[in-house]
Each structure stands twice: as structure tokens, then as C-alpha cells.
Amino acid sequence: MKKICLLLVFFLFLSACSAFADETAETTALIEQARAAIEAGDFETAVPLLQKAADAGDALACFYLGHCYGYGWGVDQDPGKAADYYRL
């Protein structure tokens, strides 16, 4: 019985890890696309990509969004909103 319980816990752990890995890969791809858009000066494309990654909890996306709001890149300049993203 203990072996069955341990196997069940192990498989639940593996499924949770794979879901986290998928989310991390997705947010990494979003950030890379946003970074390319920023380098091309296309902030209107970058901001929604960063927003989606930030909504998924990605700290780097929050940092980049802080810059966008701080400097007014693709959004209205809003120092308060920038500070909020830097704190996340």
C-alpha cells in the first residue's frame, strides 16, 4: 500500500513539473519574441507579449513592462504603473 501511495505522489509530482516546464517554455518564447520586437522598435507588438508572460508570473516580463511604462514605449508613460511592475 505504501508503494502505491508513493508511486501516486511521484506521478503527481512529475505531472506538476511538466506543466511548469511547459509554462516556462511558453513564457520564454513570448519574452524572446518581445525582445526581438523591442530591438526592431516595435513596442506595440512587444507590450502584449510581455503582458501575457507577466500574467503567467514571469519576473523578467514584469521588469521589461516596467521599462515600457517608465519610458512610454508602446504605452502611455506611467511611472506608477512602472513601479508596480518593478515590484512584482
N, C-alpha and C. Protein backbone atom coordinates (compact mmCIF):
# COMPACT_ATOMS: atom_id res chain seq x y z
N MET A 1 0.82 -1.19 0.00
CA MET A 1 0.00 0.00 0.00
C MET A 1 0.87 1.26 0.00
N LYS A 2 1.97 1.24 0.79
CA LYS A 2 2.85 2.39 0.84
C LYS A 2 3.49 2.64 -0.53
N LYS A 3 3.84 1.56 -1.22
CA LYS A 3 4.46 1.70 -2.54
C LYS A 3 3.50 2.35 -3.52
N ILE A 4 2.24 1.97 -3.44
CA ILE A 4 1.24 2.54 -4.34
C ILE A 4 1.07 4.03 -4.06
N CYS A 5 1.01 4.39 -2.79
CA CYS A 5 0.87 5.80 -2.42
C CYS A 5 2.08 6.60 -2.87
N LEU A 6 3.28 6.05 -2.68
CA LEU A 6 4.49 6.75 -3.12
C LEU A 6 4.53 6.91 -4.63
N LEU A 7 4.13 5.88 -5.35
CA LEU A 7 4.09 5.98 -6.81
C LEU A 7 3.08 7.04 -7.25
N LEU A 8 1.94 7.09 -6.60
CA LEU A 8 0.92 8.08 -6.93
C LEU A 8 1.46 9.49 -6.70
N VAL A 9 2.09 9.71 -5.56
CA VAL A 9 2.67 11.02 -5.26
C VAL A 9 3.75 11.38 -6.28
N PHE A 10 4.58 10.40 -6.63
CA PHE A 10 5.64 10.62 -7.60
C PHE A 10 5.07 11.03 -8.96
N PHE A 11 4.05 10.36 -9.43
CA PHE A 11 3.46 10.69 -10.73
C PHE A 11 2.74 12.04 -10.70
N LEU A 12 2.13 12.37 -9.58
CA LEU A 12 1.52 13.70 -9.45
C LEU A 12 2.58 14.79 -9.50
N PHE A 13 3.70 14.53 -8.84
CA PHE A 13 4.82 15.48 -8.86
C PHE A 13 5.35 15.66 -10.27
N LEU A 14 5.53 14.56 -11.00
CA LEU A 14 6.03 14.64 -12.37
C LEU A 14 5.07 15.42 -13.27
N SER A 15 3.79 15.20 -13.11
CA SER A 15 2.84 15.93 -13.96
C SER A 15 2.85 17.41 -13.64
N ALA A 16 3.00 17.76 -12.37
CA ALA A 16 3.09 19.18 -12.00
C ALA A 16 4.35 19.80 -12.56
N CYS A 17 5.46 19.08 -12.53
CA CYS A 17 6.72 19.59 -13.07
C CYS A 17 6.64 19.80 -14.57
N SER A 18 6.00 18.90 -15.29
CA SER A 18 5.91 19.05 -16.74
C SER A 18 5.01 20.22 -17.09
N ALA A 19 3.97 20.46 -16.32
CA ALA A 19 3.10 21.62 -16.57
C ALA A 19 3.87 22.91 -16.35
N PHE A 20 4.70 22.94 -15.30
CA PHE A 20 5.53 24.11 -15.04
C PHE A 20 6.54 24.32 -16.16
N ALA A 21 7.14 23.25 -16.65
CA ALA A 21 8.11 23.36 -17.73
C ALA A 21 7.46 23.90 -19.01
N ASP A 22 6.24 23.45 -19.30
CA ASP A 22 5.53 23.95 -20.48
C ASP A 22 5.26 25.44 -20.34
N GLU A 23 4.84 25.86 -19.15
CA GLU A 23 4.55 27.27 -18.92
C GLU A 23 5.83 28.10 -19.04
N THR A 24 6.92 27.60 -18.50
CA THR A 24 8.19 28.30 -18.58
C THR A 24 8.66 28.41 -20.02
N ALA A 25 8.53 27.35 -20.79
CA ALA A 25 8.92 27.39 -22.20
C ALA A 25 8.06 28.39 -22.97
N GLU A 26 6.78 28.44 -22.65
CA GLU A 26 5.89 29.37 -23.34
C GLU A 26 6.24 30.81 -23.00
N THR A 27 6.47 31.11 -21.72
CA THR A 27 6.81 32.48 -21.35
C THR A 27 8.18 32.88 -21.89
N THR A 28 9.12 31.94 -21.94
CA THR A 28 10.43 32.22 -22.52
C THR A 28 10.29 32.58 -24.00
N ALA A 29 9.46 31.86 -24.71
CA ALA A 29 9.23 32.15 -26.13
C ALA A 29 8.58 33.52 -26.30
N LEU A 30 7.62 33.84 -25.44
CA LEU A 30 6.97 35.15 -25.51
C LEU A 30 7.97 36.27 -25.28
N ILE A 31 8.84 36.08 -24.30
CA ILE A 31 9.84 37.12 -24.00
C ILE A 31 10.83 37.27 -25.14
N GLU A 32 11.24 36.18 -25.75
CA GLU A 32 12.15 36.26 -26.89
C GLU A 32 11.51 37.00 -28.06
N GLN A 33 10.24 36.73 -28.31
CA GLN A 33 9.52 37.44 -29.38
C GLN A 33 9.41 38.93 -29.04
N ALA A 34 9.12 39.23 -27.78
CA ALA A 34 9.01 40.62 -27.35
C ALA A 34 10.35 41.33 -27.45
N ARG A 35 11.42 40.65 -27.07
CA ARG A 35 12.76 41.24 -27.15
C ARG A 35 13.11 41.57 -28.59
N ALA A 36 12.78 40.68 -29.51
CA ALA A 36 13.05 40.93 -30.93
C ALA A 36 12.24 42.13 -31.41
N ALA A 37 10.99 42.23 -30.97
CA ALA A 37 10.14 43.36 -31.36
C ALA A 37 10.70 44.67 -30.79
N ILE A 38 11.17 44.63 -29.55
CA ILE A 38 11.75 45.83 -28.93
C ILE A 38 13.00 46.27 -29.70
N GLU A 39 13.85 45.32 -30.04
CA GLU A 39 15.07 45.65 -30.79
C GLU A 39 14.74 46.25 -32.15
N ALA A 40 13.60 45.87 -32.72
CA ALA A 40 13.15 46.43 -34.00
C ALA A 40 12.38 47.73 -33.82
N GLY A 41 12.17 48.14 -32.55
CA GLY A 41 11.43 49.37 -32.28
C GLY A 41 9.92 49.20 -32.35
N ASP A 42 9.46 47.96 -32.38
CA ASP A 42 8.03 47.66 -32.49
C ASP A 42 7.45 47.38 -31.10
N PHE A 43 7.27 48.44 -30.33
CA PHE A 43 6.81 48.29 -28.95
C PHE A 43 5.34 47.91 -28.86
N GLU A 44 4.56 48.27 -29.87
CA GLU A 44 3.14 47.91 -29.86
C GLU A 44 2.96 46.39 -29.95
N THR A 45 3.90 45.71 -30.58
CA THR A 45 3.86 44.24 -30.63
C THR A 45 4.42 43.65 -29.33
N ALA A 46 5.46 44.28 -28.81
CA ALA A 46 6.16 43.74 -27.64
C ALA A 46 5.30 43.77 -26.37
N VAL A 47 4.58 44.85 -26.16
CA VAL A 47 3.85 45.01 -24.90
C VAL A 47 2.82 43.90 -24.66
N PRO A 48 1.97 43.54 -25.62
CA PRO A 48 1.02 42.45 -25.35
C PRO A 48 1.71 41.10 -25.08
N LEU A 49 2.83 40.86 -25.75
CA LEU A 49 3.58 39.62 -25.50
C LEU A 49 4.12 39.61 -24.08
N LEU A 50 4.68 40.74 -23.66
CA LEU A 50 5.20 40.85 -22.30
C LEU A 50 4.07 40.76 -21.27
N GLN A 51 2.93 41.34 -21.60
CA GLN A 51 1.80 41.29 -20.67
C GLN A 51 1.34 39.85 -20.45
N LYS A 52 1.30 39.08 -21.52
CA LYS A 52 0.88 37.68 -21.40
C LYS A 52 1.87 36.90 -20.54
N ALA A 53 3.16 37.13 -20.74
CA ALA A 53 4.18 36.43 -19.93
C ALA A 53 4.12 36.90 -18.48
N ALA A 54 3.91 38.19 -18.27
CA ALA A 54 3.80 38.72 -16.90
C ALA A 54 2.58 38.15 -16.19
N ASP A 55 1.48 38.02 -16.91
CA ASP A 55 0.27 37.44 -16.32
C ASP A 55 0.50 35.99 -15.90
N ALA A 56 1.44 35.32 -16.57
CA ALA A 56 1.78 33.95 -16.20
C ALA A 56 2.79 33.91 -15.05
N GLY A 57 3.21 35.10 -14.58
CA GLY A 57 4.09 35.16 -13.41
C GLY A 57 5.57 35.28 -13.73
N ASP A 58 5.92 35.65 -14.95
CA ASP A 58 7.33 35.74 -15.32
C ASP A 58 7.93 37.07 -14.84
N ALA A 59 8.96 37.00 -14.00
CA ALA A 59 9.57 38.19 -13.42
C ALA A 59 10.28 39.06 -14.46
N LEU A 60 10.94 38.43 -15.43
CA LEU A 60 11.63 39.20 -16.46
C LEU A 60 10.65 40.00 -17.30
N ALA A 61 9.50 39.42 -17.60
CA ALA A 61 8.47 40.13 -18.35
C ALA A 61 7.99 41.34 -17.55
N CYS A 62 7.83 41.18 -16.25
CA CYS A 62 7.43 42.31 -15.40
C CYS A 62 8.48 43.42 -15.44
N PHE A 63 9.75 43.04 -15.41
CA PHE A 63 10.84 44.01 -15.49
C PHE A 63 10.78 44.79 -16.80
N TYR A 64 10.63 44.07 -17.91
CA TYR A 64 10.54 44.73 -19.21
C TYR A 64 9.29 45.63 -19.30
N LEU A 65 8.18 45.17 -18.76
CA LEU A 65 6.97 46.00 -18.77
C LEU A 65 7.18 47.27 -17.93
N GLY A 66 7.92 47.14 -16.85
CA GLY A 66 8.27 48.31 -16.05
C GLY A 66 9.01 49.34 -16.88
N HIS A 67 9.94 48.87 -17.71
CA HIS A 67 10.66 49.77 -18.61
C HIS A 67 9.71 50.41 -19.62
N CYS A 68 8.83 49.60 -20.19
CA CYS A 68 7.89 50.12 -21.19
C CYS A 68 7.04 51.24 -20.60
N TYR A 69 6.50 51.02 -19.40
CA TYR A 69 5.68 52.05 -18.78
C TYR A 69 6.52 53.21 -18.27
N GLY A 70 7.73 52.94 -17.83
CA GLY A 70 8.60 54.00 -17.34
C GLY A 70 9.04 54.96 -18.44
N TYR A 71 9.29 54.44 -19.63
CA TYR A 71 9.76 55.26 -20.74
C TYR A 71 8.69 55.57 -21.78
N GLY A 72 7.50 54.98 -21.62
CA GLY A 72 6.42 55.22 -22.57
C GLY A 72 6.63 54.50 -23.89
N TRP A 73 7.22 53.32 -23.84
CA TRP A 73 7.48 52.52 -25.05
C TRP A 73 6.25 51.67 -25.36
N GLY A 74 5.46 52.09 -26.34
CA GLY A 74 4.30 51.32 -26.76
C GLY A 74 3.08 51.48 -25.89
N VAL A 75 3.21 52.26 -24.82
CA VAL A 75 2.11 52.54 -23.90
C VAL A 75 2.26 53.99 -23.44
N ASP A 76 1.22 54.52 -22.83
CA ASP A 76 1.35 55.85 -22.23
C ASP A 76 2.32 55.77 -21.05
N GLN A 77 3.20 56.75 -20.95
CA GLN A 77 4.16 56.75 -19.85
C GLN A 77 3.42 56.85 -18.52
N ASP A 78 3.74 55.94 -17.60
CA ASP A 78 3.05 55.88 -16.31
C ASP A 78 4.04 55.39 -15.25
N PRO A 79 4.74 56.33 -14.58
CA PRO A 79 5.74 55.93 -13.58
C PRO A 79 5.18 55.06 -12.45
N GLY A 80 3.92 55.30 -12.08
CA GLY A 80 3.30 54.50 -11.02
C GLY A 80 3.13 53.05 -11.45
N LYS A 81 2.66 52.86 -12.67
CA LYS A 81 2.48 51.50 -13.19
C LYS A 81 3.84 50.83 -13.38
N ALA A 82 4.83 51.63 -13.81
CA ALA A 82 6.19 51.08 -13.96
C ALA A 82 6.69 50.57 -12.61
N ALA A 83 6.50 51.36 -11.58
CA ALA A 83 6.94 50.95 -10.24
C ALA A 83 6.23 49.68 -9.78
N ASP A 84 4.94 49.58 -10.12
CA ASP A 84 4.19 48.37 -9.75
C ASP A 84 4.80 47.14 -10.42
N TYR A 85 5.15 47.25 -11.70
CA TYR A 85 5.75 46.11 -12.40
C TYR A 85 7.14 45.80 -11.85
N TYR A 86 7.89 46.80 -11.47
CA TYR A 86 9.22 46.54 -10.91
C TYR A 86 9.12 45.81 -9.57
N ARG A 87 8.05 46.06 -8.83
CA ARG A 87 7.88 45.39 -7.54
C ARG A 87 7.45 43.94 -7.65
N LEU A 88 6.84 43.57 -8.80
CA LEU A 88 6.32 42.21 -8.93
C LEU A 88 7.41 41.19 -9.03
